[in-house]
Amino acid sequence: MKKYSLILIVIAALLLSSRGCLKPEVANTGAKGTNIICFGDSITFGYGAGPKEDYPTELARLVKSPVINAGVDGDTTFQALERLEKDVLDKDPKLVIVEFCGNDFLKKVPKDDTVKNLGKIIDRIQEKGAMVALVDISAGIFFHEYRSAFKKLALKKKAIFIPVILNKIITNPAMKSDFFHPNGRGYQVVACRIYQSISAYIE
C-alpha cells in the first residue's frame, strides 16, 4: 500500500512539473493570413542601420518568406493606434510583431496609458484573426519598469511575449549606432531573438 501511494505521489509531482513547462496559450494559432508584419517605432524601422539592415529584413531571411516593415521612427502607442488599420489590418496579417514604448517614455506618456494602448492594439489585431507577438525592449535598467507589465499583458491577451531583445546590445559599442539604437549587426541579433520566439508558431 505504501509503495502504491509513493507511485501516486511521484506521478502527481511529474504532472505538476510538466505543467510549468507548457507554452502559454496563444490566440489565433493557425491564423490564415499571409503576412508577417513588424509594427513598431525606430527599432522596427531600423534607425541607425544601412538599407536592408533593419531587423524585419533579416527576419525575412530567417523565416524564408516576405516580412512587412511597418516601423515608423518616433511613433508613440497613440500614433500607432491611428495607423493600425492602414499599416497592419488592411495587409492580411498572419502574425504581427508589436514593438513600442520607447517614445512613450521619452514623451512622458504614463506607463498605464502605454499598456492600455497596447492592449487595444492587440485586441484589434486578434479580432482580425491574426496572432500577436509583444516585444519587450528593456535591457538591464533601461525600461525595466515596462518588462513585467508587458509580460502580464501578453499572458492576459494570449500573445507571444518576446523579452529583452536589446539585452547585451545597447551595452556593446560594436552592436549599436548610438546610445540606444542597434546597428546592422545588432539588428541581426534582434531578428534572431525574435525568430526563436515565433518560429514554433509559424512553421
C-alpha atoms as a PDB file:
ATOM      1  CA  MET A   1       0.000   0.000   0.000  1.00  0.00           C
ATOM      2  CA  LYS A   2       2.820   2.377   0.886  1.00  0.00           C
ATOM      3  CA  LYS A   3       4.558   1.599  -2.399  1.00  0.00           C
ATOM      4  CA  TYR A   4       1.350   2.352  -4.321  1.00  0.00           C
ATOM      5  CA  SER A   5       0.947   5.699  -2.508  1.00  0.00           C
ATOM      6  CA  LEU A   6       4.558   6.615  -3.299  1.00  0.00           C
ATOM      7  CA  ILE A   7       3.974   5.935  -7.003  1.00  0.00           C
ATOM      8  CA  LEU A   8       0.914   8.186  -6.976  1.00  0.00           C
ATOM      9  CA  ILE A   9       2.890  10.987  -5.333  1.00  0.00           C
ATOM     10  CA  VAL A  10       5.663  10.697  -7.940  1.00  0.00           C
ATOM     11  CA  ILE A  11       3.145  10.758 -10.819  1.00  0.00           C
ATOM     12  CA  ALA A  12       1.402  13.806  -9.353  1.00  0.00           C
ATOM     13  CA  ALA A  13       4.726  15.622  -8.967  1.00  0.00           C
ATOM     14  CA  LEU A  14       5.659  14.875 -12.572  1.00  0.00           C
ATOM     15  CA  LEU A  15       2.318  16.158 -13.827  1.00  0.00           C
ATOM     16  CA  LEU A  16       2.666  19.378 -11.858  1.00  0.00           C
ATOM     17  CA  SER A  17       6.200  19.985 -13.067  1.00  0.00           C
ATOM     18  CA  SER A  18       5.226  19.325 -16.685  1.00  0.00           C
ATOM     19  CA  ARG A  19       2.511  21.970 -16.484  1.00  0.00           C
ATOM     20  CA  GLY A  20       5.162  24.547 -15.720  1.00  0.00           C
ATOM     21  CA  CYS A  21       6.957  23.593 -18.937  1.00  0.00           C
ATOM     22  CA  LEU A  22       3.916  24.062 -21.171  1.00  0.00           C
ATOM     23  CA  LYS A  23       3.924  27.053 -23.516  1.00  0.00           C
ATOM     24  CA  PRO A  24       1.479  29.829 -22.641  1.00  0.00           C
ATOM     25  CA  GLU A  25      -1.668  29.686 -24.768  1.00  0.00           C
ATOM     26  CA  VAL A  26      -1.550  31.904 -27.859  1.00  0.00           C
ATOM     27  CA  ALA A  27      -4.670  33.219 -29.579  1.00  0.00           C
ATOM     28  CA  ASN A  28      -5.241  32.531 -33.289  1.00  0.00           C
ATOM     29  CA  THR A  29      -2.585  29.849 -33.763  1.00  0.00           C
ATOM     30  CA  GLY A  30      -3.010  28.532 -37.272  1.00  0.00           C
ATOM     31  CA  ALA A  31      -4.009  32.003 -38.498  1.00  0.00           C
ATOM     32  CA  LYS A  32      -4.905  32.064 -42.199  1.00  0.00           C
ATOM     33  CA  GLY A  33      -3.362  35.441 -43.032  1.00  0.00           C
ATOM     34  CA  THR A  34      -0.478  35.686 -45.468  1.00  0.00           C
ATOM     35  CA  ASN A  35       1.858  38.284 -43.971  1.00  0.00           C
ATOM     36  CA  ILE A  36       4.166  38.702 -41.005  1.00  0.00           C
ATOM     37  CA  ILE A  37       4.062  42.392 -40.098  1.00  0.00           C
ATOM     38  CA  CYS A  38       6.572  44.140 -37.854  1.00  0.00           C
ATOM     39  CA  PHE A  39       4.678  47.043 -36.302  1.00  0.00           C
ATOM     40  CA  GLY A  40       6.767  49.425 -34.260  1.00  0.00           C
ATOM     41  CA  ASP A  41       8.868  52.545 -33.889  1.00  0.00           C
ATOM     42  CA  SER A  42      12.532  53.321 -34.672  1.00  0.00           C
ATOM     43  CA  ILE A  43      13.744  49.889 -33.526  1.00  0.00           C
ATOM     44  CA  THR A  44      11.469  48.256 -36.096  1.00  0.00           C
ATOM     45  CA  PHE A  45      12.126  50.931 -38.718  1.00  0.00           C
ATOM     46  CA  GLY A  46      15.856  50.205 -38.450  1.00  0.00           C
ATOM     47  CA  TYR A  47      17.176  53.537 -37.234  1.00  0.00           C
ATOM     48  CA  GLY A  48      20.969  53.521 -37.140  1.00  0.00           C
ATOM     49  CA  ALA A  49      21.453  50.835 -39.771  1.00  0.00           C
ATOM     50  CA  GLY A  50      22.005  50.911 -43.511  1.00  0.00           C
ATOM     51  CA  PRO A  51      19.465  49.961 -46.208  1.00  0.00           C
ATOM     52  CA  LYS A  52      18.123  46.424 -45.720  1.00  0.00           C
ATOM     53  CA  GLU A  53      19.944  46.056 -42.400  1.00  0.00           C
ATOM     54  CA  ASP A  54      16.787  46.501 -40.306  1.00  0.00           C
ATOM     55  CA  TYR A  55      15.560  43.558 -38.244  1.00  0.00           C
ATOM     56  CA  PRO A  56      12.424  42.846 -40.370  1.00  0.00           C
ATOM     57  CA  THR A  57      14.640  42.360 -43.453  1.00  0.00           C
ATOM     58  CA  GLU A  58      16.870  39.969 -41.526  1.00  0.00           C
ATOM     59  CA  LEU A  59      13.816  38.194 -40.100  1.00  0.00           C
ATOM     60  CA  ALA A  60      12.520  37.636 -43.645  1.00  0.00           C
ATOM     61  CA  ARG A  61      15.732  35.747 -44.432  1.00  0.00           C
ATOM     62  CA  LEU A  62      15.230  33.536 -41.382  1.00  0.00           C
ATOM     63  CA  VAL A  63      11.553  32.722 -41.982  1.00  0.00           C
ATOM     64  CA  LYS A  64      12.150  32.463 -45.745  1.00  0.00           C
ATOM     65  CA  SER A  65       9.025  34.454 -46.562  1.00  0.00           C
ATOM     66  CA  PRO A  66       8.134  38.139 -47.002  1.00  0.00           C
ATOM     67  CA  VAL A  67       8.006  40.301 -43.882  1.00  0.00           C
ATOM     68  CA  ILE A  68       6.458  43.782 -43.932  1.00  0.00           C
ATOM     69  CA  ASN A  69       8.298  46.541 -42.098  1.00  0.00           C
ATOM     70  CA  ALA A  70       5.621  48.817 -40.600  1.00  0.00           C
ATOM     71  CA  GLY A  71       8.016  50.696 -38.333  1.00  0.00           C
ATOM     72  CA  VAL A  72       7.847  54.487 -38.061  1.00  0.00           C
ATOM     73  CA  ASP A  73      10.630  56.406 -36.356  1.00  0.00           C
ATOM     74  CA  GLY A  74       9.324  58.421 -33.397  1.00  0.00           C
ATOM     75  CA  ASP A  75       5.936  56.720 -33.075  1.00  0.00           C
ATOM     76  CA  THR A  76       4.132  56.524 -29.753  1.00  0.00           C
ATOM     77  CA  THR A  77       1.406  53.994 -28.983  1.00  0.00           C
ATOM     78  CA  PHE A  78      -1.170  56.748 -29.614  1.00  0.00           C
ATOM     79  CA  GLN A  79       0.178  57.277 -33.133  1.00  0.00           C
ATOM     80  CA  ALA A  80       0.344  53.526 -33.635  1.00  0.00           C
ATOM     81  CA  LEU A  81      -3.378  53.224 -32.932  1.00  0.00           C
ATOM     82  CA  GLU A  82      -4.097  55.867 -35.573  1.00  0.00           C
ATOM     83  CA  ARG A  83      -2.269  53.977 -38.335  1.00  0.00           C
ATOM     84  CA  LEU A  84      -3.092  50.428 -37.240  1.00  0.00           C
ATOM     85  CA  GLU A  85      -5.864  49.951 -39.804  1.00  0.00           C
ATOM     86  CA  LYS A  86      -3.879  51.137 -42.815  1.00  0.00           C
ATOM     87  CA  ASP A  87      -0.480  49.710 -41.952  1.00  0.00           C
ATOM     88  CA  VAL A  88      -1.495  46.389 -40.382  1.00  0.00           C
ATOM     89  CA  LEU A  89      -5.141  45.309 -40.500  1.00  0.00           C
ATOM     90  CA  ASP A  90      -5.554  46.041 -44.217  1.00  0.00           C
ATOM     91  CA  LYS A  91      -2.492  43.923 -45.107  1.00  0.00           C
ATOM     92  CA  ASP A  92      -3.873  40.430 -44.375  1.00  0.00           C
ATOM     93  CA  PRO A  93      -1.755  39.752 -41.264  1.00  0.00           C
ATOM     94  CA  LYS A  94      -0.895  36.258 -40.079  1.00  0.00           C
ATOM     95  CA  LEU A  95       1.380  37.391 -37.249  1.00  0.00           C
ATOM     96  CA  VAL A  96       2.008  40.946 -36.057  1.00  0.00           C
ATOM     97  CA  ILE A  97       5.142  41.680 -34.028  1.00  0.00           C
ATOM     98  CA  VAL A  98       4.321  44.729 -31.892  1.00  0.00           C
ATOM     99  CA  GLU A  99       7.227  46.854 -30.595  1.00  0.00           C
ATOM    100  CA  PHE A 100       6.527  50.167 -28.856  1.00  0.00           C
ATOM    101  CA  CYS A 101       7.226  52.107 -25.649  1.00  0.00           C
ATOM    102  CA  GLY A 102      10.499  54.000 -26.135  1.00  0.00           C
ATOM    103  CA  ASN A 103       8.851  57.151 -27.464  1.00  0.00           C
ATOM    104  CA  ASP A 104       6.044  56.929 -24.917  1.00  0.00           C
ATOM    105  CA  PHE A 105       8.733  57.050 -22.249  1.00  0.00           C
ATOM    106  CA  LEU A 106      10.568  59.966 -23.875  1.00  0.00           C
ATOM    107  CA  LYS A 107       7.338  61.929 -24.300  1.00  0.00           C
ATOM    108  CA  LYS A 108       6.274  61.190 -20.725  1.00  0.00           C
ATOM    109  CA  VAL A 109       3.215  59.129 -21.615  1.00  0.00           C
ATOM    110  CA  PRO A 110       2.127  57.395 -18.389  1.00  0.00           C
ATOM    111  CA  LYS A 111       3.048  53.709 -18.376  1.00  0.00           C
ATOM    112  CA  ASP A 112      -0.568  52.728 -17.714  1.00  0.00           C
ATOM    113  CA  ASP A 113      -1.632  54.558 -20.892  1.00  0.00           C
ATOM    114  CA  THR A 114       1.076  52.773 -22.881  1.00  0.00           C
ATOM    115  CA  VAL A 115      -0.105  49.385 -21.619  1.00  0.00           C
ATOM    116  CA  LYS A 116      -3.743  50.313 -22.272  1.00  0.00           C
ATOM    117  CA  ASN A 117      -2.956  51.373 -25.852  1.00  0.00           C
ATOM    118  CA  LEU A 118      -1.011  48.168 -26.474  1.00  0.00           C
ATOM    119  CA  GLY A 119      -3.970  46.201 -25.160  1.00  0.00           C
ATOM    120  CA  LYS A 120      -6.231  47.935 -27.699  1.00  0.00           C
ATOM    121  CA  ILE A 121      -3.740  47.233 -30.492  1.00  0.00           C
ATOM    122  CA  ILE A 122      -3.548  43.547 -29.554  1.00  0.00           C
ATOM    123  CA  ASP A 123      -7.345  43.248 -29.335  1.00  0.00           C
ATOM    124  CA  ARG A 124      -7.887  44.722 -32.786  1.00  0.00           C
ATOM    125  CA  ILE A 125      -5.235  42.526 -34.398  1.00  0.00           C
ATOM    126  CA  GLN A 126      -6.638  39.407 -32.772  1.00  0.00           C
ATOM    127  CA  GLU A 127     -10.159  40.362 -33.859  1.00  0.00           C
ATOM    128  CA  LYS A 128      -8.773  40.332 -37.396  1.00  0.00           C
ATOM    129  CA  GLY A 129      -7.770  36.696 -36.799  1.00  0.00           C
ATOM    130  CA  ALA A 130      -4.000  37.155 -36.561  1.00  0.00           C
ATOM    131  CA  MET A 131      -1.507  36.170 -33.884  1.00  0.00           C
ATOM    132  CA  VAL A 132       0.328  38.836 -31.920  1.00  0.00           C
ATOM    133  CA  ALA A 133       3.851  38.877 -30.501  1.00  0.00           C
ATOM    134  CA  LEU A 134       4.587  41.621 -27.954  1.00  0.00           C
ATOM    135  CA  VAL A 135       8.198  42.800 -27.831  1.00  0.00           C
ATOM    136  CA  ASP A 136       9.962  43.963 -24.674  1.00  0.00           C
ATOM    137  CA  ILE A 137      12.835  46.364 -25.452  1.00  0.00           C
ATOM    138  CA  SER A 138      14.078  46.533 -21.877  1.00  0.00           C
ATOM    139  CA  ALA A 139      17.721  45.742 -21.181  1.00  0.00           C
ATOM    140  CA  GLY A 140      19.136  45.873 -17.682  1.00  0.00           C
ATOM    141  CA  ILE A 141      17.904  49.108 -16.100  1.00  0.00           C
ATOM    142  CA  PHE A 142      16.659  50.504 -19.417  1.00  0.00           C
ATOM    143  CA  PHE A 143      12.832  50.404 -19.497  1.00  0.00           C
ATOM    144  CA  HIS A 144      12.864  47.733 -16.804  1.00  0.00           C
ATOM    145  CA  GLU A 145       9.635  49.172 -15.358  1.00  0.00           C
ATOM    146  CA  TYR A 146       7.783  48.077 -18.519  1.00  0.00           C
ATOM    147  CA  ARG A 147       9.056  44.491 -18.518  1.00  0.00           C
ATOM    148  CA  SER A 148       6.667  42.878 -16.022  1.00  0.00           C
ATOM    149  CA  ALA A 149       3.705  44.931 -17.273  1.00  0.00           C
ATOM    150  CA  PHE A 150       4.283  43.761 -20.854  1.00  0.00           C
ATOM    151  CA  LYS A 151       4.706  40.150 -19.786  1.00  0.00           C
ATOM    152  CA  LYS A 152       1.479  40.312 -17.793  1.00  0.00           C
ATOM    153  CA  LEU A 153      -0.340  41.917 -20.732  1.00  0.00           C
ATOM    154  CA  ALA A 154       0.896  39.267 -23.174  1.00  0.00           C
ATOM    155  CA  LEU A 155      -0.255  36.491 -20.851  1.00  0.00           C
ATOM    156  CA  LYS A 156      -3.659  38.116 -20.351  1.00  0.00           C
ATOM    157  CA  LYS A 157      -4.197  38.681 -24.076  1.00  0.00           C
ATOM    158  CA  LYS A 158      -2.757  35.301 -25.127  1.00  0.00           C
ATOM    159  CA  ALA A 159       0.013  36.912 -27.155  1.00  0.00           C
ATOM    160  CA  ILE A 160       3.572  35.659 -27.643  1.00  0.00           C
ATOM    161  CA  PHE A 161       5.936  37.504 -25.302  1.00  0.00           C
ATOM    162  CA  ILE A 162       9.420  38.298 -26.614  1.00  0.00           C
ATOM    163  CA  PRO A 163      11.609  39.537 -23.747  1.00  0.00           C
ATOM    164  CA  VAL A 164      14.727  41.732 -23.575  1.00  0.00           C
ATOM    165  CA  ILE A 165      15.574  41.851 -27.281  1.00  0.00           C
ATOM    166  CA  LEU A 166      18.192  44.550 -26.710  1.00  0.00           C
ATOM    167  CA  ASN A 167      19.974  42.793 -23.863  1.00  0.00           C
ATOM    168  CA  LYS A 168      23.783  42.981 -24.285  1.00  0.00           C
ATOM    169  CA  ILE A 169      23.318  45.039 -27.448  1.00  0.00           C
ATOM    170  CA  ILE A 170      22.957  48.549 -26.062  1.00  0.00           C
ATOM    171  CA  THR A 171      25.910  47.944 -23.758  1.00  0.00           C
ATOM    172  CA  ASN A 172      28.107  46.748 -26.647  1.00  0.00           C
ATOM    173  CA  PRO A 173      29.563  49.549 -28.828  1.00  0.00           C
ATOM    174  CA  ALA A 174      30.175  47.065 -31.650  1.00  0.00           C
ATOM    175  CA  MET A 175      26.429  46.388 -31.918  1.00  0.00           C
ATOM    176  CA  LYS A 176      24.898  49.851 -31.622  1.00  0.00           C
ATOM    177  CA  SER A 177      24.797  53.039 -33.654  1.00  0.00           C
ATOM    178  CA  ASP A 178      24.133  55.485 -30.821  1.00  0.00           C
ATOM    179  CA  PHE A 179      23.232  55.470 -27.130  1.00  0.00           C
ATOM    180  CA  PHE A 180      20.232  53.191 -27.654  1.00  0.00           C
ATOM    181  CA  HIS A 181      19.738  52.035 -31.265  1.00  0.00           C
ATOM    182  CA  PRO A 182      21.416  48.925 -32.706  1.00  0.00           C
ATOM    183  CA  ASN A 183      23.478  48.979 -35.875  1.00  0.00           C
ATOM    184  CA  GLY A 184      23.182  46.391 -38.628  1.00  0.00           C
ATOM    185  CA  ARG A 185      24.995  43.764 -36.587  1.00  0.00           C
ATOM    186  CA  GLY A 186      22.790  44.481 -33.590  1.00  0.00           C
ATOM    187  CA  TYR A 187      19.618  44.172 -35.649  1.00  0.00           C
ATOM    188  CA  GLN A 188      20.761  40.748 -36.814  1.00  0.00           C
ATOM    189  CA  VAL A 189      20.816  39.648 -33.170  1.00  0.00           C
ATOM    190  CA  VAL A 190      17.376  41.199 -32.606  1.00  0.00           C
ATOM    191  CA  ALA A 191      15.998  39.293 -35.606  1.00  0.00           C
ATOM    192  CA  CYS A 192      17.438  36.004 -34.320  1.00  0.00           C
ATOM    193  CA  ARG A 193      15.889  36.519 -30.886  1.00  0.00           C
ATOM    194  CA  ILE A 194      12.504  37.301 -32.380  1.00  0.00           C
ATOM    195  CA  TYR A 195      12.725  34.340 -34.738  1.00  0.00           C
ATOM    196  CA  GLN A 196      13.468  31.981 -31.852  1.00  0.00           C
ATOM    197  CA  SER A 197      10.303  33.169 -30.092  1.00  0.00           C
ATOM    198  CA  ILE A 198       7.941  32.962 -33.091  1.00  0.00           C
ATOM    199  CA  SER A 199       9.280  30.038 -35.119  1.00  0.00           C
ATOM    200  CA  ALA A 200       7.165  27.408 -33.364  1.00  0.00           C
ATOM    201  CA  TYR A 201       4.001  29.324 -34.272  1.00  0.00           C
ATOM    202  CA  ILE A 202       4.682  29.993 -37.956  1.00  0.00           C
ATOM    203  CA  GLU A 203       6.257  26.739 -39.141  1.00  0.00           C
END
